[in-house]
Protein backbone atom coordinates (compact mmCIF):
# COMPACT_ATOMS: atom_id res chain seq x y z
CA UNK A 1 -13.19 149.29 -33.89
CA UNK A 2 -13.37 145.58 -34.76
CA UNK A 3 -11.29 144.72 -31.71
CA UNK A 4 -13.60 146.76 -29.46
CA UNK A 5 -16.65 145.05 -30.94
CA UNK A 6 -15.02 141.68 -30.34
CA UNK A 7 -14.28 142.54 -26.70
CA UNK A 8 -17.84 143.72 -26.09
CA UNK A 9 -19.28 140.63 -27.76
CA UNK A 10 -16.94 138.42 -25.72
CA UNK A 11 -18.00 140.14 -22.49
CA UNK A 12 -21.69 139.64 -23.32
CA UNK A 13 -21.14 135.96 -24.10
CA UNK A 14 -19.23 135.52 -20.85
CA UNK A 15 -22.22 136.88 -18.92
CA UNK A 16 -24.57 134.56 -20.83
CA UNK A 17 -22.57 131.40 -20.19
CA UNK A 18 -22.03 132.21 -16.53
CA UNK A 19 -25.73 132.44 -15.64
CA UNK A 20 -28.90 130.43 -16.23
CA UNK A 21 -31.43 131.92 -18.63
CA UNK A 22 -32.96 134.84 -16.66
CA UNK A 23 -36.38 134.32 -18.29
CA UNK A 24 -36.38 130.63 -17.37
CA UNK A 25 -35.32 131.45 -13.81
CA UNK A 26 -38.09 134.03 -13.45
CA UNK A 27 -40.65 131.49 -14.68
CA UNK A 28 -39.28 128.78 -12.41
CA UNK A 29 -39.62 131.13 -9.43
CA UNK A 30 -43.11 132.11 -10.61
CA UNK A 31 -41.96 135.69 -11.10
CA UNK A 32 -41.07 136.15 -7.44
CA UNK A 33 -44.01 134.35 -5.81
CA UNK A 34 -41.79 131.48 -4.64
CA UNK A 35 -39.43 133.93 -2.96
CA UNK A 36 -42.26 135.73 -1.18
CA UNK A 37 -43.75 132.46 0.04
CA UNK A 38 -40.28 131.06 0.79
CA UNK A 39 -41.00 128.00 -1.31
CA UNK A 40 -38.42 126.33 -3.58
CA UNK A 41 -39.21 126.00 -7.27
CA UNK A 42 -40.60 122.78 -8.72
CA UNK A 43 -38.17 120.07 -9.79
CA UNK A 44 -39.24 119.03 -13.27
CA UNK A 45 -38.21 115.91 -15.16
CA UNK A 46 -38.94 115.83 -18.89
CA UNK A 47 -39.69 112.19 -19.60
CA UNK A 48 -40.01 110.75 -23.10
CA UNK A 49 -41.39 107.18 -23.07
CA UNK A 50 -39.06 104.99 -25.10
CA UNK A 51 -36.03 107.24 -24.55
CA UNK A 52 -33.48 105.12 -22.62
CA UNK A 53 -32.02 107.95 -20.55
CA UNK A 54 -35.51 109.16 -19.61
CA UNK A 55 -36.33 105.75 -18.19
CA UNK A 56 -33.13 105.71 -16.11
CA UNK A 57 -33.83 109.23 -14.85
CA UNK A 58 -37.36 108.32 -13.78
CA UNK A 59 -36.09 105.25 -11.91
CA UNK A 60 -33.48 107.44 -10.22
CA UNK A 61 -36.12 109.96 -9.15
CA UNK A 62 -37.96 107.15 -7.41
CA UNK A 63 -34.85 106.42 -5.35
CA UNK A 64 -34.25 109.95 -4.02
CA UNK A 65 -37.69 111.62 -4.15
CA UNK A 66 -38.29 111.08 -0.43
CA UNK A 67 -35.26 113.29 0.33
CA UNK A 68 -36.69 116.27 -1.55
CA UNK A 69 -38.43 119.22 0.04
CA UNK A 70 -39.81 120.75 -3.14
CA UNK A 71 -42.68 120.02 -5.53
CA UNK A 72 -41.99 117.36 -8.20
CA UNK A 73 -43.53 117.35 -11.66
CA UNK A 74 -42.73 114.75 -14.33
CA UNK A 75 -43.64 116.23 -17.69
CA UNK A 76 -44.27 113.55 -20.30
CA UNK A 77 -43.05 114.79 -23.69
CA UNK A 78 -43.07 113.55 -27.28
CA UNK A 79 -39.91 113.04 -29.33
CA UNK A 80 -38.04 116.32 -29.83
CA UNK A 81 -37.97 118.28 -33.07
CA UNK A 82 -35.77 116.89 -35.86
CA UNK A 83 -33.14 119.60 -35.40
CA UNK A 84 -32.42 118.32 -31.87
CA UNK A 85 -31.25 114.97 -33.30
CA UNK A 86 -29.29 115.75 -36.47
CA UNK A 87 -28.37 112.07 -36.85
CA UNK A 88 -31.46 110.56 -35.24
CA UNK A 89 -30.82 106.87 -36.02
CA UNK A 90 -27.24 106.97 -34.74
CA UNK A 91 -28.19 108.97 -31.65
CA UNK A 92 -31.07 106.65 -30.75
CA UNK A 93 -28.87 103.57 -31.18
CA UNK A 94 -26.13 105.13 -29.08
CA UNK A 95 -28.62 106.01 -26.32
CA UNK A 96 -29.60 102.33 -26.13
CA UNK A 97 -25.98 101.22 -25.89
CA UNK A 98 -25.13 103.90 -23.34
CA UNK A 99 -28.10 103.07 -21.11
CA UNK A 100 -27.13 99.38 -21.09
CA UNK A 101 -23.61 100.34 -20.06
CA UNK A 102 -24.38 102.84 -17.32
CA UNK A 103 -27.52 101.37 -15.67
CA UNK A 104 -25.63 98.85 -13.49
CA UNK A 105 -23.17 101.54 -12.36
CA UNK A 106 -26.09 103.57 -10.98
CA UNK A 107 -27.95 100.58 -9.55
CA UNK A 108 -30.77 100.92 -12.08
CA UNK A 109 -32.53 98.49 -14.42
CA UNK A 110 -32.36 98.36 -18.19
CA UNK A 111 -32.67 95.29 -20.46
CA UNK A 112 -29.21 93.96 -21.38
CA UNK A 113 -30.43 93.04 -24.87
CA UNK A 114 -32.47 96.19 -25.39
CA UNK A 115 -33.56 97.21 -28.88
CA UNK A 116 -35.25 100.36 -30.12
CA UNK A 117 -38.98 100.48 -29.32
CA UNK A 118 -41.40 100.47 -32.21
CA UNK A 119 -43.20 103.74 -33.07
CA UNK A 120 -46.48 102.03 -32.19
CA UNK A 121 -45.34 101.07 -28.70
CA UNK A 122 -43.76 104.47 -28.11
CA UNK A 123 -47.07 106.12 -28.96
CA UNK A 124 -49.00 103.75 -26.69
CA UNK A 125 -46.56 104.40 -23.88
CA UNK A 126 -46.88 108.17 -24.28
CA UNK A 127 -50.65 107.84 -23.95
CA UNK A 128 -50.33 105.54 -20.93
CA UNK A 129 -47.90 107.83 -19.04
CA UNK A 130 -49.86 111.00 -19.73
CA UNK A 131 -52.04 112.38 -16.96
CA UNK A 132 -49.81 111.12 -14.14
CA UNK A 133 -47.18 113.86 -14.02
CA UNK A 134 -47.58 114.43 -10.28
CA UNK A 135 -48.19 110.82 -9.29
CA UNK A 136 -44.66 109.45 -9.04
CA UNK A 137 -45.74 106.06 -7.70
CA UNK A 138 -48.01 105.53 -10.72
CA UNK A 139 -45.26 106.59 -13.13
CA UNK A 140 -42.74 104.24 -11.53
CA UNK A 141 -45.24 101.37 -11.70
CA UNK A 142 -45.88 102.08 -15.37
CA UNK A 143 -42.15 102.31 -16.13
CA UNK A 144 -41.48 98.93 -14.50
CA UNK A 145 -44.45 97.29 -16.23
CA UNK A 146 -43.83 98.73 -19.71
CA UNK A 147 -40.02 98.64 -19.84
CA UNK A 148 -39.79 95.16 -21.35
CA UNK A 149 -42.53 95.89 -23.89
CA UNK A 150 -40.68 98.99 -25.04
CA UNK A 151 -37.11 97.68 -25.03
CA UNK A 152 -37.08 93.88 -24.79
CA UNK A 153 -39.71 92.74 -27.30
CA UNK A 154 -42.37 91.74 -24.75
CA UNK A 155 -46.06 91.86 -25.60
CA UNK A 156 -47.90 95.10 -24.90
CA UNK A 157 -50.18 94.94 -21.82
CA UNK A 158 -53.23 96.54 -23.44
CA UNK A 159 -55.06 97.49 -20.25
CA UNK A 160 -52.61 100.34 -19.58
CA UNK A 161 -54.02 102.53 -22.35
CA UNK A 162 -57.53 101.17 -22.80
CA UNK A 163 -59.31 103.86 -20.77
CA UNK A 164 -57.10 106.83 -21.66
CA UNK A 165 -58.55 109.84 -23.47
CA UNK A 166 -56.12 109.93 -26.40
CA UNK A 167 -56.92 113.46 -27.54
CA UNK A 168 -56.44 114.77 -24.00
CA UNK A 169 -53.16 112.86 -23.69
CA UNK A 170 -51.86 114.30 -26.96
CA UNK A 171 -52.80 117.80 -25.84
CA UNK A 172 -50.78 117.25 -22.65
CA UNK A 173 -47.75 116.03 -24.62
CA UNK A 174 -47.91 119.08 -26.88
CA UNK A 175 -48.32 121.43 -23.93
CA UNK A 176 -45.33 119.93 -22.12
CA UNK A 177 -43.18 120.18 -25.25
CA UNK A 178 -44.16 123.84 -25.60
CA UNK A 179 -43.41 124.48 -21.93
CA UNK A 180 -39.96 122.92 -22.33
CA UNK A 181 -39.30 125.13 -25.35
CA UNK A 182 -40.39 128.28 -23.49
CA UNK A 183 -38.11 127.32 -20.62
CA UNK A 184 -35.22 127.10 -23.07
CA UNK A 185 -34.63 123.42 -23.82
CA UNK A 186 -35.29 120.78 -26.44
CA UNK A 187 -34.26 117.30 -25.18
CA UNK A 188 -35.80 114.53 -23.04
CA UNK A 189 -34.22 113.14 -19.84
CA UNK A 190 -33.69 116.73 -18.67
CA UNK A 191 -34.18 118.08 -15.16
CA UNK A 192 -35.18 121.72 -14.72
CA UNK A 193 -34.86 123.43 -11.36
CA UNK A 194 -34.75 127.17 -10.69
CA UNK A 195 -34.36 127.89 -14.40
CA UNK A 196 -31.27 125.70 -14.75
CA UNK A 197 -31.04 122.51 -16.80
CA UNK A 198 -29.37 119.21 -15.88
CA UNK A 199 -29.05 116.24 -18.23
CA UNK A 200 -29.96 112.71 -17.17
CA UNK A 201 -27.78 111.09 -14.52
CA UNK A 202 -24.57 112.85 -15.53
CA UNK A 203 -25.46 116.19 -13.98
CA UNK A 204 -26.55 114.93 -10.56
CA UNK A 205 -23.61 116.72 -8.93
CA UNK A 206 -24.78 120.10 -10.19
CA UNK A 207 -28.47 119.34 -9.57
CA UNK A 208 -27.69 118.24 -6.01
CA UNK A 209 -25.80 121.48 -5.31
CA UNK A 210 -28.68 123.58 -6.64
CA UNK A 211 -31.21 121.67 -4.52
CA UNK A 212 -29.00 122.03 -1.43
CA UNK A 213 -28.64 125.78 -1.98
CA UNK A 214 -32.43 126.08 -1.90
CA UNK A 215 -32.78 123.86 1.16
CA UNK A 216 -34.74 121.45 -1.02
CA UNK A 217 -32.56 118.40 -0.36
CA UNK A 218 -32.50 116.64 2.98
CA UNK A 219 -28.82 115.62 3.13
CA UNK A 220 -25.61 116.29 1.21
CA UNK A 221 -25.09 112.64 0.30
CA UNK A 222 -25.23 111.92 -3.46
CA UNK A 223 -28.63 111.70 -5.07
CA UNK A 224 -27.67 108.22 -6.20
CA UNK A 225 -24.64 106.01 -5.53
CA UNK A 226 -22.37 105.41 -8.51
CA UNK A 227 -19.85 102.60 -8.99
CA UNK A 228 -17.92 102.70 -12.27
CA UNK A 229 -16.66 99.15 -11.73
CA UNK A 230 -20.21 97.83 -12.12
CA UNK A 231 -20.66 99.41 -15.56
CA UNK A 232 -21.19 97.05 -18.47
CA UNK A 233 -18.05 97.94 -20.44
CA UNK A 234 -16.81 95.38 -22.92
CA UNK A 235 -13.73 95.53 -25.12
CA UNK A 236 -11.61 92.91 -26.83
CA UNK A 237 -8.44 92.82 -28.85
CA UNK A 238 -6.43 95.08 -26.55
CA UNK A 239 -6.40 98.84 -26.02
CA UNK A 240 -3.16 99.89 -27.71
CA UNK A 241 -4.61 103.08 -29.22
CA UNK A 242 -7.19 105.64 -28.08
CA UNK A 243 -8.69 107.45 -31.05
CA UNK A 244 -9.88 110.92 -30.03
CA UNK A 245 -12.34 112.69 -32.38
CA UNK A 246 -12.33 116.45 -31.95
CA UNK A 247 -13.85 119.62 -33.45
CA UNK A 248 -12.31 123.09 -33.13
CA UNK A 249 -15.82 124.55 -32.78
CA UNK A 250 -17.01 122.19 -30.06
CA UNK A 251 -16.71 123.55 -26.49
CA UNK A 252 -16.89 119.99 -25.12
CA UNK A 253 -14.03 119.05 -27.46
CA UNK A 254 -11.95 121.88 -26.07
CA UNK A 255 -12.27 120.75 -22.44
CA UNK A 256 -11.72 117.15 -23.61
CA UNK A 257 -8.47 118.26 -25.27
CA UNK A 258 -7.33 119.89 -22.02
CA UNK A 259 -8.16 116.63 -20.23
CA UNK A 260 -6.26 114.42 -22.70
CA UNK A 261 -3.26 116.76 -22.75
CA UNK A 262 -3.11 116.69 -18.96
CA UNK A 263 -3.46 112.91 -18.55
CA UNK A 264 -2.40 110.99 -21.65
CA UNK A 265 1.20 110.33 -20.58
CA UNK A 266 -0.03 108.24 -17.66
CA UNK A 267 -2.27 106.05 -19.85
CA UNK A 268 -1.31 102.54 -21.03
CA UNK A 269 -2.09 103.50 -24.63
CA UNK A 270 -1.07 105.95 -27.29
CA UNK A 271 -3.47 108.63 -28.52
CA UNK A 272 -4.45 109.14 -32.16
CA UNK A 273 -5.97 112.61 -32.57
CA UNK A 274 -8.66 112.86 -35.27
CA UNK A 275 -10.07 116.37 -35.82
CA UNK A 276 -13.23 116.74 -37.94
CA UNK A 277 -15.20 119.63 -39.39
CA UNK A 278 -17.75 121.20 -37.00
CA UNK A 279 -21.32 119.84 -37.27
CA UNK A 280 -22.67 123.17 -38.50
CA UNK A 281 -20.09 123.09 -41.32
CA UNK A 282 -21.16 119.53 -42.23
CA UNK A 283 -24.77 120.62 -42.85
CA UNK A 284 -26.05 119.44 -39.44
CA UNK A 285 -28.32 121.95 -37.65
CA UNK A 286 -27.34 123.41 -34.27
CA UNK A 287 -30.38 125.37 -32.97
CA UNK A 288 -29.92 128.43 -30.73
CA UNK A 289 -31.37 126.70 -27.65
CA UNK A 290 -28.83 123.91 -28.10
CA UNK A 291 -25.91 126.33 -28.46
CA UNK A 292 -26.94 128.26 -25.34
CA UNK A 293 -27.38 125.11 -23.24
CA UNK A 294 -24.04 123.72 -24.37
CA UNK A 295 -21.98 126.79 -23.47
CA UNK A 296 -23.70 127.10 -20.08
CA UNK A 297 -23.18 123.43 -19.37
CA UNK A 298 -19.53 123.50 -20.46
CA UNK A 299 -18.94 126.54 -18.26
CA UNK A 300 -19.93 124.69 -15.08
CA UNK A 301 -18.06 121.53 -16.15
CA UNK A 302 -14.92 123.51 -17.00
CA UNK A 303 -15.08 125.38 -13.68
CA UNK A 304 -15.40 122.09 -11.80
CA UNK A 305 -12.50 120.52 -13.72
CA UNK A 306 -10.18 123.52 -13.48
CA UNK A 307 -10.22 124.73 -17.10
CA UNK A 308 -10.77 128.32 -18.22
CA UNK A 309 -13.96 128.95 -20.22
CA UNK A 310 -16.38 131.72 -21.10
CA UNK A 311 -14.66 134.40 -23.18
CA UNK A 312 -15.75 133.16 -26.59
CA UNK A 313 -14.77 134.06 -30.15
CA UNK A 314 -16.75 131.50 -32.19
CA UNK A 315 -14.29 129.76 -34.57
CA UNK A 316 -16.95 128.51 -36.99
CA UNK A 317 -16.00 128.91 -40.64
CA UNK A 318 -12.56 130.31 -41.32
CA UNK A 319 -11.33 129.80 -37.77
CA UNK A 320 -12.03 126.06 -37.78
CA UNK A 321 -10.75 125.63 -41.34
CA UNK A 322 -7.48 127.41 -40.61
CA UNK A 323 -6.96 125.43 -37.41
CA UNK A 324 -7.58 122.15 -39.25
CA UNK A 325 -5.04 123.21 -41.87
CA UNK A 326 -2.39 124.15 -39.31
CA UNK A 327 -2.98 120.91 -37.42
CA UNK A 328 -1.33 119.09 -40.34
CA UNK A 329 2.00 120.68 -39.34
CA UNK A 330 2.07 119.03 -35.90
CA UNK A 331 4.79 116.39 -35.71
CA UNK A 332 3.65 114.21 -32.81
CA UNK A 333 0.79 113.56 -30.39
CA UNK A 334 2.07 115.94 -27.72
CA UNK A 335 2.31 118.79 -30.21
CA UNK A 336 -1.12 117.96 -31.64
CA UNK A 337 -2.71 118.03 -28.19
CA UNK A 338 -0.95 121.27 -27.26
CA UNK A 339 -2.27 122.88 -30.43
CA UNK A 340 -5.82 121.58 -29.88
CA UNK A 341 -5.87 122.87 -26.32
CA UNK A 342 -4.27 126.22 -27.23
CA UNK A 343 -6.67 126.83 -30.13
CA UNK A 344 -9.64 125.84 -27.96
CA UNK A 345 -8.42 128.07 -25.14
CA UNK A 346 -8.09 130.99 -27.54
CA UNK A 347 -11.59 130.48 -28.94
CA UNK A 348 -13.44 129.62 -25.72
CA UNK A 349 -11.49 131.18 -22.87
CA UNK A 350 -9.54 134.13 -24.25
CA UNK A 351 -11.89 135.66 -26.88
CA UNK A 352 -9.16 135.38 -29.52
CA UNK A 353 -10.29 134.99 -33.12
CA UNK A 354 -8.29 132.13 -34.63
CA UNK A 355 -9.58 133.12 -38.08
CA UNK A 356 -6.96 135.90 -37.98
CA UNK A 357 -3.22 135.44 -38.43
CA UNK A 358 -2.59 136.89 -34.98
CA UNK A 359 -5.11 134.51 -33.43
CA UNK A 360 -3.91 131.31 -35.09
CA UNK A 361 -0.27 132.20 -34.36
CA UNK A 362 -1.17 132.78 -30.71
CA UNK A 363 -2.29 129.13 -30.58
CA UNK A 364 0.39 127.60 -32.82
CA UNK A 365 3.25 129.17 -30.85
CA UNK A 366 2.05 127.42 -27.68
CA UNK A 367 2.41 124.13 -29.57
CA UNK A 368 5.93 125.01 -30.66
CA UNK A 369 5.10 125.55 -34.33
CA UNK A 370 7.17 127.98 -36.39
CA UNK A 371 5.37 131.19 -37.45
CA UNK A 372 6.74 131.15 -40.99
CA UNK A 373 5.76 127.50 -41.47
CA UNK A 374 2.23 128.21 -40.23
CA UNK A 375 1.74 131.23 -42.51
CA UNK A 376 3.27 129.40 -45.47
CA UNK A 377 0.90 126.46 -44.95
CA UNK A 378 -2.11 128.79 -44.78
CA UNK A 379 -0.97 130.68 -47.89
CA UNK A 380 -1.04 127.37 -49.77
CA UNK A 381 -4.80 127.14 -49.12
CA UNK A 382 -7.17 125.41 -46.75
CA UNK A 383 -6.48 121.67 -46.42
CA UNK A 384 -9.40 119.61 -45.08
CA UNK A 385 -8.32 116.25 -46.49
CA UNK A 386 -7.50 114.74 -43.10
CA UNK A 387 -10.66 116.17 -41.54
CA UNK A 388 -12.77 114.47 -44.20
CA UNK A 389 -11.02 111.14 -43.68
CA UNK A 390 -11.65 111.43 -39.95
CA UNK A 391 -15.31 112.27 -40.54
CA UNK A 392 -15.73 109.13 -42.61
CA UNK A 393 -14.10 107.09 -39.83
CA UNK A 394 -16.43 108.68 -37.27
CA UNK A 395 -19.52 107.78 -39.29
CA UNK A 396 -18.19 104.27 -39.96
CA UNK A 397 -17.91 103.77 -36.21
CA UNK A 398 -21.60 104.61 -35.77
CA UNK A 399 -20.99 108.06 -34.31
CA UNK A 400 -21.77 111.58 -35.47
CA UNK A 401 -20.57 114.14 -32.92
CA UNK A 402 -17.58 115.04 -30.80
CA UNK A 403 -15.74 114.50 -28.63
CA UNK A 404 -15.85 110.78 -29.36
CA UNK A 405 -13.53 108.00 -28.27
CA UNK A 406 -12.49 104.62 -29.67
CA UNK A 407 -10.40 102.34 -27.46
CA UNK A 408 -9.77 98.99 -29.10
CA UNK A 409 -13.25 98.00 -30.25
CA UNK A 410 -14.90 100.06 -27.50
CA UNK A 411 -16.58 103.20 -28.85
CA UNK A 412 -18.34 105.98 -27.00
CA UNK A 413 -19.28 109.64 -27.31
CA UNK A 414 -19.17 112.63 -25.01
CA UNK A 415 -16.98 114.46 -22.52
CA UNK A 416 -19.03 112.79 -19.76
CA UNK A 417 -17.74 109.35 -20.74
CA UNK A 418 -14.14 109.96 -19.64
CA UNK A 419 -14.80 107.72 -16.64
CA UNK A 420 -15.38 104.80 -19.01
CA UNK A 421 -11.90 105.24 -20.47
CA UNK A 422 -10.36 105.45 -17.01
CA UNK A 423 -12.24 102.32 -15.93
CA UNK A 424 -11.01 100.37 -18.96
CA UNK A 425 -7.45 101.58 -18.32
CA UNK A 426 -7.67 100.32 -14.74
CA UNK A 427 -9.10 96.96 -15.84
CA UNK A 428 -6.28 96.63 -18.36
CA UNK A 429 -3.67 97.24 -15.65
CA UNK A 430 -5.30 94.68 -13.38
């Protein structure tokens, strides 16, 4: 009976991850009115003043807006709820660093010495941007004029907010935040089109395809040109070791493990695999909207990159703990990576519960581990010593989540930052 329940649950999850939220899609299509009138849905950008990736996204919109054949609405939003940023200080600092790195690669502007904006200036900027959601020219002018005040320590140009009705502006911010929540999301720098969500600049490929399918994009050329060689990537002291932080409960970690396993032998560096406890098992909140967005996003990324994904048996709890314990038996990097990928595949592509003996053995055999050694190790009790050491290293490096990467003194976070590693490898070879 348990097996049948697991199969049914896995099938339901597979349907969920393979499709956008049906409620959000219905709202985006105005419950069928857009179809009747043969009009594409509105492209929405959720813009948080003072959020680095929001500012890059708004600049990008200004560069391709004239190619769009659909309504555009920039919804100015306040900072998200606390649960969206479980390690707010680290995430805000990383966003600054990431924006400085990627802006030149996309041909966009962001202060090289940017610092976090003050709460006072963020509030003033929110008031100034409010009321202009459908006036892109005005928003772009404001972004250019206020960017240095927000991020580079310039004086605030007071005339931008002097005549604004503050209570009306706050009501708009609250309304936009509520609309985002009803549509199924929680973060800034997000695009919403036809009920599907696309983050910042990294999901332009998927956004472009969706716009093209609706006939809402003039040509198939990229929304924005990208040149990795122009990115501001600095490292010193060599790149002898790539440290790869991983969680057995993270879908992004799973596809990252498949990527590292496939490519690491061609890299001019060795790999040091550092698994950590899942965020939810470290007391960090993972709201439902976040979990749903992640699995849907990973599904399209995995499909693009050729990795299986969608039949899920969530390994949180015993599954992750047992996998972390068995990981200690791996003798070398190749075996570690094979076990990571096999355990991730079981949990996220095969609906196999790695909390069971049968499930964990299914994964460990693919890594060449002996059944009796695996069961003996588990019978000795859960061993999270290494996972805790790795967590402390992760925090020490200014990071919080996975997958994360450390190459020499270069540190970054996210499956989407693989191109940075490849760029640094190429620069090292040159």
